[in-house]
C-alpha atoms as a PDB file:
ATOM      1  CA  MET A   1     -29.857  -9.107   1.698  1.00  0.00           C
ATOM      2  CA  ARG A   2     -26.995 -10.488  -0.419  1.00  0.00           C
ATOM      3  CA  ALA A   3     -23.404 -11.445   0.394  1.00  0.00           C
ATOM      4  CA  LEU A   4     -20.448 -12.092  -1.887  1.00  0.00           C
ATOM      5  CA  ALA A   5     -17.357 -14.032  -0.824  1.00  0.00           C
ATOM      6  CA  LEU A   6     -14.277 -13.295  -2.914  1.00  0.00           C
ATOM      7  CA  VAL A   7     -11.987 -16.214  -2.092  1.00  0.00           C
ATOM      8  CA  CYS A   8      -8.392 -15.239  -2.815  1.00  0.00           C
ATOM      9  CA  THR A   9      -6.640 -18.577  -2.494  1.00  0.00           C
ATOM     10  CA  LEU A  10      -3.948 -19.095  -5.102  1.00  0.00           C
ATOM     11  CA  THR A  11      -5.424 -22.542  -5.766  1.00  0.00           C
ATOM     12  CA  PRO A  12      -7.971 -22.743  -8.601  1.00  0.00           C
ATOM     13  CA  SER A  13     -11.020 -25.011  -8.465  1.00  0.00           C
ATOM     14  CA  PRO A  14     -11.665 -27.865  -8.091  1.00  0.00           C
ATOM     15  CA  ASP A  15      -8.745 -28.293  -5.673  1.00  0.00           C
ATOM     16  CA  ARG A  16      -9.524 -27.882  -2.001  1.00  0.00           C
ATOM     17  CA  SER A  17      -8.758 -24.636  -0.196  1.00  0.00           C
ATOM     18  CA  SER A  18      -8.755 -23.687   3.480  1.00  0.00           C
ATOM     19  CA  SER A  19      -9.666 -20.091   2.580  1.00  0.00           C
ATOM     20  CA  HIS A  20     -12.653 -21.380   0.622  1.00  0.00           C
ATOM     21  CA  HIS A  21     -13.612 -23.651   3.519  1.00  0.00           C
ATOM     22  CA  LEU A  22     -13.636 -20.799   6.057  1.00  0.00           C
ATOM     23  CA  ALA A  23     -15.502 -18.519   3.630  1.00  0.00           C
ATOM     24  CA  GLU A  24     -18.199 -21.169   3.224  1.00  0.00           C
ATOM     25  CA  GLN A  25     -18.540 -21.370   7.008  1.00  0.00           C
ATOM     26  CA  VAL A  26     -19.115 -17.610   7.138  1.00  0.00           C
ATOM     27  CA  LEU A  27     -21.701 -17.839   4.363  1.00  0.00           C
ATOM     28  CA  SER A  28     -23.432 -20.680   6.196  1.00  0.00           C
ATOM     29  CA  GLU A  29     -23.832 -18.437   9.251  1.00  0.00           C
ATOM     30  CA  LEU A  30     -25.106 -15.631   7.013  1.00  0.00           C
ATOM     31  CA  ALA A  31     -27.603 -18.017   5.401  1.00  0.00           C
ATOM     32  CA  ALA A  32     -28.955 -18.854   8.860  1.00  0.00           C
ATOM     33  CA  LEU A  33     -29.717 -15.139   9.151  1.00  0.00           C
ATOM     34  CA  GLY A  34     -31.588 -15.077   5.856  1.00  0.00           C
ATOM     35  CA  VAL A  35     -28.780 -13.773   3.637  1.00  0.00           C
ATOM     36  CA  GLN A  36     -28.401 -15.091   0.083  1.00  0.00           C
ATOM     37  CA  SER A  37     -24.796 -15.538  -0.906  1.00  0.00           C
ATOM     38  CA  GLU A  38     -22.378 -16.420  -3.658  1.00  0.00           C
ATOM     39  CA  THR A  39     -18.774 -17.595  -3.544  1.00  0.00           C
ATOM     40  CA  VAL A  40     -16.287 -16.606  -6.238  1.00  0.00           C
ATOM     41  CA  ARG A  41     -12.817 -18.138  -6.270  1.00  0.00           C
ATOM     42  CA  VAL A  42     -10.793 -15.363  -7.864  1.00  0.00           C
ATOM     43  CA  ALA A  43      -8.153 -17.787  -9.186  1.00  0.00           C
ATOM     44  CA  ASP A  44     -10.824 -19.268 -11.470  1.00  0.00           C
ATOM     45  CA  HIS A  45     -11.130 -15.953 -13.318  1.00  0.00           C
ATOM     46  CA  HIS A  46      -8.680 -13.960 -15.417  1.00  0.00           C
ATOM     47  CA  VAL A  47      -8.489 -10.786 -13.338  1.00  0.00           C
ATOM     48  CA  ARG A  48      -5.881  -8.662 -15.027  1.00  0.00           C
ATOM     49  CA  PRO A  49      -3.552  -6.399 -13.013  1.00  0.00           C
ATOM     50  CA  GLY A  50      -4.331  -2.717 -13.002  1.00  0.00           C
ATOM     51  CA  ILE A  51      -6.403  -0.013 -11.357  1.00  0.00           C
ATOM     52  CA  ALA A  52      -9.144   0.442 -13.939  1.00  0.00           C
ATOM     53  CA  ARG A  53     -12.625  -1.025 -13.802  1.00  0.00           C
ATOM     54  CA  ASP A  54     -12.055  -2.705 -17.169  1.00  0.00           C
ATOM     55  CA  MET A  55      -8.563  -3.639 -18.341  1.00  0.00           C
ATOM     56  CA  GLY A  56      -9.701  -4.685 -21.793  1.00  0.00           C
ATOM     57  CA  GLU A  57     -10.286  -7.882 -23.707  1.00  0.00           C
ATOM     58  CA  GLY A  58     -10.280 -11.007 -21.586  1.00  0.00           C
ATOM     59  CA  ASP A  59     -10.484  -9.160 -18.259  1.00  0.00           C
ATOM     60  CA  ALA A  60     -12.939 -10.886 -15.922  1.00  0.00           C
ATOM     61  CA  TRP A  61     -13.060  -8.082 -13.377  1.00  0.00           C
ATOM     62  CA  PRO A  62     -16.027  -6.165 -14.876  1.00  0.00           C
ATOM     63  CA  GLY A  63     -18.272  -9.175 -14.247  1.00  0.00           C
ATOM     64  CA  LEU A  64     -16.964  -9.583 -10.710  1.00  0.00           C
ATOM     65  CA  TRP A  65     -17.416  -5.845 -10.115  1.00  0.00           C
ATOM     66  CA  GLU A  66     -21.109  -6.231 -10.952  1.00  0.00           C
ATOM     67  CA  LYS A  67     -21.344  -8.921  -8.269  1.00  0.00           C
ATOM     68  CA  VAL A  68     -19.664  -6.612  -5.751  1.00  0.00           C
ATOM     69  CA  MET A  69     -22.131  -3.852  -6.587  1.00  0.00           C
ATOM     70  CA  ALA A  70     -25.086  -6.221  -6.121  1.00  0.00           C
ATOM     71  CA  ALA A  71     -23.893  -7.327  -2.659  1.00  0.00           C
ATOM     72  CA  ASP A  72     -24.705  -5.792   0.720  1.00  0.00           C
ATOM     73  CA  ILE A  73     -21.850  -7.688   2.415  1.00  0.00           C
ATOM     74  CA  VAL A  74     -18.489  -8.424   0.778  1.00  0.00           C
ATOM     75  CA  LEU A  75     -16.193 -10.988   2.390  1.00  0.00           C
ATOM     76  CA  LEU A  76     -12.516 -11.159   1.422  1.00  0.00           C
ATOM     77  CA  ALA A  77     -11.077 -14.579   2.264  1.00  0.00           C
ATOM     78  CA  THR A  78      -7.321 -15.020   2.014  1.00  0.00           C
ATOM     79  CA  PRO A  79      -4.460 -17.209   3.094  1.00  0.00           C
ATOM     80  CA  ILE A  80      -1.377 -15.691   4.695  1.00  0.00           C
ATOM     81  CA  TRP A  81       1.659 -15.745   2.426  1.00  0.00           C
ATOM     82  CA  LEU A  82       4.965 -14.419   3.787  1.00  0.00           C
ATOM     83  CA  GLY A  83       3.043 -12.431   6.389  1.00  0.00           C
ATOM     84  CA  HIS A  84       0.745 -10.772   3.870  1.00  0.00           C
ATOM     85  CA  PRO A  85      -2.619 -11.346   2.156  1.00  0.00           C
ATOM     86  CA  SER A  86      -2.337 -13.349  -1.046  1.00  0.00           C
ATOM     87  CA  SER A  87      -1.356 -11.559  -4.238  1.00  0.00           C
ATOM     88  CA  LEU A  88      -4.881 -12.193  -5.571  1.00  0.00           C
ATOM     89  CA  CYS A  89      -6.393 -10.477  -2.545  1.00  0.00           C
ATOM     90  CA  GLN A  90      -4.146  -7.480  -3.135  1.00  0.00           C
ATOM     91  CA  ARG A  91      -5.194  -7.509  -6.782  1.00  0.00           C
ATOM     92  CA  VAL A  92      -8.871  -7.421  -5.778  1.00  0.00           C
ATOM     93  CA  LEU A  93      -8.196  -4.348  -3.629  1.00  0.00           C
ATOM     94  CA  GLU A  94      -6.263  -2.746  -6.487  1.00  0.00           C
ATOM     95  CA  ARG A  95      -9.125  -3.339  -8.907  1.00  0.00           C
ATOM     96  CA  LEU A  96     -11.646  -1.980  -6.392  1.00  0.00           C
ATOM     97  CA  ASN A  97      -9.374   1.050  -6.083  1.00  0.00           C
ATOM     98  CA  ALA A  98     -10.371   2.045  -9.620  1.00  0.00           C
ATOM     99  CA  ASP A  99     -13.570   3.383  -8.042  1.00  0.00           C
ATOM    100  CA  ILE A 100     -12.064   5.136  -5.010  1.00  0.00           C
ATOM    101  CA  SER A 101     -12.945   8.571  -6.389  1.00  0.00           C
ATOM    102  CA  GLU A 102     -16.332   7.552  -7.823  1.00  0.00           C
ATOM    103  CA  THR A 103     -19.442   8.730  -5.989  1.00  0.00           C
ATOM    104  CA  ASP A 104     -23.167   8.116  -6.114  1.00  0.00           C
ATOM    105  CA  ASP A 105     -25.716  10.832  -6.862  1.00  0.00           C
ATOM    106  CA  GLN A 106     -25.494  11.951  -3.214  1.00  0.00           C
ATOM    107  CA  GLY A 107     -21.724  12.420  -3.345  1.00  0.00           C
ATOM    108  CA  ARG A 108     -20.990   9.315  -1.260  1.00  0.00           C
ATOM    109  CA  GLN A 109     -18.240   6.835  -2.140  1.00  0.00           C
ATOM    110  CA  LEU A 110     -19.489   4.142  -4.470  1.00  0.00           C
ATOM    111  CA  PHE A 111     -19.131   1.380  -1.854  1.00  0.00           C
ATOM    112  CA  ALA A 112     -20.629   3.395   1.008  1.00  0.00           C
ATOM    113  CA  GLY A 113     -23.460   1.402   2.507  1.00  0.00           C
ATOM    114  CA  LYS A 114     -21.725  -1.926   1.849  1.00  0.00           C
ATOM    115  CA  VAL A 115     -20.299  -3.940   4.730  1.00  0.00           C
ATOM    116  CA  GLY A 116     -16.826  -5.438   4.454  1.00  0.00           C
ATOM    117  CA  ALA A 117     -15.605  -8.528   6.291  1.00  0.00           C
ATOM    118  CA  VAL A 118     -12.468 -10.678   6.281  1.00  0.00           C
ATOM    119  CA  ALA A 119     -11.564 -14.358   6.713  1.00  0.00           C
ATOM    120  CA  VAL A 120      -7.908 -15.385   7.098  1.00  0.00           C
ATOM    121  CA  VAL A 121      -6.169 -18.762   7.303  1.00  0.00           C
ATOM    122  CA  GLY A 122      -2.529 -19.698   7.682  1.00  0.00           C
ATOM    123  CA  ASN A 123      -0.034 -21.973   9.351  1.00  0.00           C
ATOM    124  CA  GLU A 124       1.838 -19.215  11.159  1.00  0.00           C
ATOM    125  CA  ASP A 125       0.737 -16.197  13.154  1.00  0.00           C
ATOM    126  CA  GLY A 126      -0.156 -13.064  11.227  1.00  0.00           C
ATOM    127  CA  ALA A 127      -3.957 -13.003  11.001  1.00  0.00           C
ATOM    128  CA  HIS A 128      -4.164  -9.705  12.884  1.00  0.00           C
ATOM    129  CA  LYS A 129      -1.641  -8.065  10.581  1.00  0.00           C
ATOM    130  CA  VAL A 130      -3.372  -9.367   7.452  1.00  0.00           C
ATOM    131  CA  SER A 131      -6.818  -8.321   8.652  1.00  0.00           C
ATOM    132  CA  ALA A 132      -5.458  -4.869   9.543  1.00  0.00           C
ATOM    133  CA  ASP A 133      -4.120  -4.485   5.995  1.00  0.00           C
ATOM    134  CA  LEU A 134      -7.467  -5.491   4.508  1.00  0.00           C
ATOM    135  CA  PHE A 135      -9.495  -3.386   6.944  1.00  0.00           C
ATOM    136  CA  GLN A 136      -7.542  -0.296   5.912  1.00  0.00           C
ATOM    137  CA  GLY A 137      -8.104  -1.002   2.225  1.00  0.00           C
ATOM    138  CA  LEU A 138     -11.808  -1.695   2.660  1.00  0.00           C
ATOM    139  CA  ASN A 139     -12.250   1.429   4.779  1.00  0.00           C
ATOM    140  CA  ASP A 140     -10.412   3.613   2.255  1.00  0.00           C
ATOM    141  CA  LEU A 141     -12.772   2.313  -0.428  1.00  0.00           C
ATOM    142  CA  GLY A 142     -15.870   3.223   1.586  1.00  0.00           C
ATOM    143  CA  PHE A 143     -16.884  -0.133   3.054  1.00  0.00           C
ATOM    144  CA  SER A 144     -18.149  -0.162   6.639  1.00  0.00           C
ATOM    145  CA  LEU A 145     -16.753  -2.595   9.198  1.00  0.00           C
ATOM    146  CA  ALA A 146     -18.817  -4.047  12.008  1.00  0.00           C
ATOM    147  CA  PRO A 147     -17.239  -4.999  15.339  1.00  0.00           C
ATOM    148  CA  GLY A 148     -15.605  -8.391  14.985  1.00  0.00           C
ATOM    149  CA  ALA A 149     -15.291  -8.053  11.204  1.00  0.00           C
ATOM    150  CA  VAL A 150     -12.741 -10.871  10.918  1.00  0.00           C
ATOM    151  CA  THR A 151     -12.674 -14.590  11.582  1.00  0.00           C
ATOM    152  CA  TYR A 152      -9.447 -16.525  11.328  1.00  0.00           C
ATOM    153  CA  TRP A 153      -7.474 -19.646  12.093  1.00  0.00           C
ATOM    154  CA  VAL A 154      -3.720 -20.003  12.264  1.00  0.00           C
ATOM    155  CA  GLY A 155      -1.876 -23.185  13.113  1.00  0.00           C
ATOM    156  CA  GLU A 156       1.163 -23.515  15.307  1.00  0.00           C
ATOM    157  CA  ALA A 157       4.488 -22.377  13.929  1.00  0.00           C
ATOM    158  CA  GLN A 158       6.574 -24.882  11.988  1.00  0.00           C
ATOM    159  CA  GLN A 159       3.771 -27.351  11.322  1.00  0.00           C
ATOM    160  CA  GLY A 160       1.809 -28.185   8.192  1.00  0.00           C
ATOM    161  CA  THR A 161      -1.808 -28.755   9.189  1.00  0.00           C
ATOM    162  CA  ASP A 162      -4.368 -27.019   6.978  1.00  0.00           C
ATOM    163  CA  TYR A 163      -7.573 -25.611   8.400  1.00  0.00           C
ATOM    164  CA  GLN A 164      -9.648 -27.685   5.982  1.00  0.00           C
ATOM    165  CA  ASP A 165      -8.037 -30.853   7.354  1.00  0.00           C
ATOM    166  CA  LEU A 166      -9.026 -30.344  10.988  1.00  0.00           C
ATOM    167  CA  ASP A 167     -11.356 -33.008  12.368  1.00  0.00           C
ATOM    168  CA  GLU A 168     -13.705 -30.307  13.635  1.00  0.00           C
ATOM    169  CA  THR A 169     -13.915 -26.547  13.675  1.00  0.00           C
ATOM    170  CA  PRO A 170     -12.319 -25.125  16.821  1.00  0.00           C
ATOM    171  CA  GLU A 171     -14.953 -23.688  19.157  1.00  0.00           C
ATOM    172  CA  ALA A 172     -13.321 -20.245  19.196  1.00  0.00           C
ATOM    173  CA  VAL A 173     -13.284 -20.059  15.374  1.00  0.00           C
ATOM    174  CA  ALA A 174     -16.935 -21.157  15.160  1.00  0.00           C
ATOM    175  CA  ALA A 175     -17.966 -18.538  17.729  1.00  0.00           C
ATOM    176  CA  THR A 176     -15.984 -15.799  15.990  1.00  0.00           C
ATOM    177  CA  THR A 177     -17.465 -16.736  12.619  1.00  0.00           C
ATOM    178  CA  LYS A 178     -20.977 -16.589  14.051  1.00  0.00           C
ATOM    179  CA  THR A 179     -20.300 -13.171  15.582  1.00  0.00           C
ATOM    180  CA  LEU A 180     -18.869 -11.839  12.307  1.00  0.00           C
ATOM    181  CA  ALA A 181     -22.014 -12.926  10.462  1.00  0.00           C
ATOM    182  CA  ALA A 182     -24.435 -11.533  13.036  1.00  0.00           C
ATOM    183  CA  ASN A 183     -22.688  -8.167  13.285  1.00  0.00           C
ATOM    184  CA  ALA A 184     -22.248  -7.809   9.512  1.00  0.00           C
ATOM    185  CA  VAL A 185     -25.944  -8.478   8.894  1.00  0.00           C
ATOM    186  CA  HIS A 186     -26.951  -6.092  11.681  1.00  0.00           C
ATOM    187  CA  LEU A 187     -24.816  -3.301  10.232  1.00  0.00           C
ATOM    188  CA  ALA A 188     -25.963  -3.968   6.662  1.00  0.00           C
ATOM    189  CA  LYS A 189     -29.603  -3.693   7.774  1.00  0.00           C
ATOM    190  CA  LEU A 190     -28.910  -0.451   9.629  1.00  0.00           C
ATOM    191  CA  LEU A 191     -27.185   1.043   6.582  1.00  0.00           C
ATOM    192  CA  ARG A 192     -30.049   0.003   4.331  1.00  0.00           C
ATOM    193  CA  GLU A 193     -32.588   1.641   6.644  1.00  0.00           C
ATOM    194  CA  ALA A 194     -30.473   4.724   7.373  1.00  0.00           C
ATOM    195  CA  PRO A 195     -27.902   5.420   4.637  1.00  0.00           C
ATOM    196  CA  TYR A 196     -24.958   7.673   5.277  1.00  0.00           C
ATOM    197  CA  PRO A 197     -25.735  11.372   4.776  1.00  0.00           C
ATOM    198  CA  PRO A 198     -24.909  13.040   1.463  1.00  0.00           C
ATOM    199  CA  ALA A 199     -21.277  14.107   1.202  1.00  0.00           C
END
């Protein structure tokens, strides 16, 4: 079982990122369940805008697409910007959209059988709205969502604390992250054993 975290912070490596921090916590819980994982910070790659699988010379998306296809679980991790997922997260969905009409040899959507999950951080409320946006996109693309498919942290309004700077992970966030991992792995195993019927 393999998982891929696409971290959509606007901050490239090696700078610290709360989205990256929460994604790593999810992957740690997945690792405890025997899942191999990889983290990709999208800002470190030249992912060109567009809705094709390959946008030409210099486009890094084809390589990232291969990683998506090799994964059983795909986690989108994003900050909240102006009440929305980051522009990079939207770009990832747009690039995945290139395959929305593609099917496998059984007529199923290309991403059918893969489990989607979401991690959201921000300093204002809005995690439910952002996760709803991402859930809809993932579902349209064919990903399956387990119960509790999101973990998130948002700070109080009008303050500047970052999730990565907390002295310890809040108990509710840790419990939600653990549930996300357990349910995603459970669903991924079920889909591997009993794929969706031919379309």
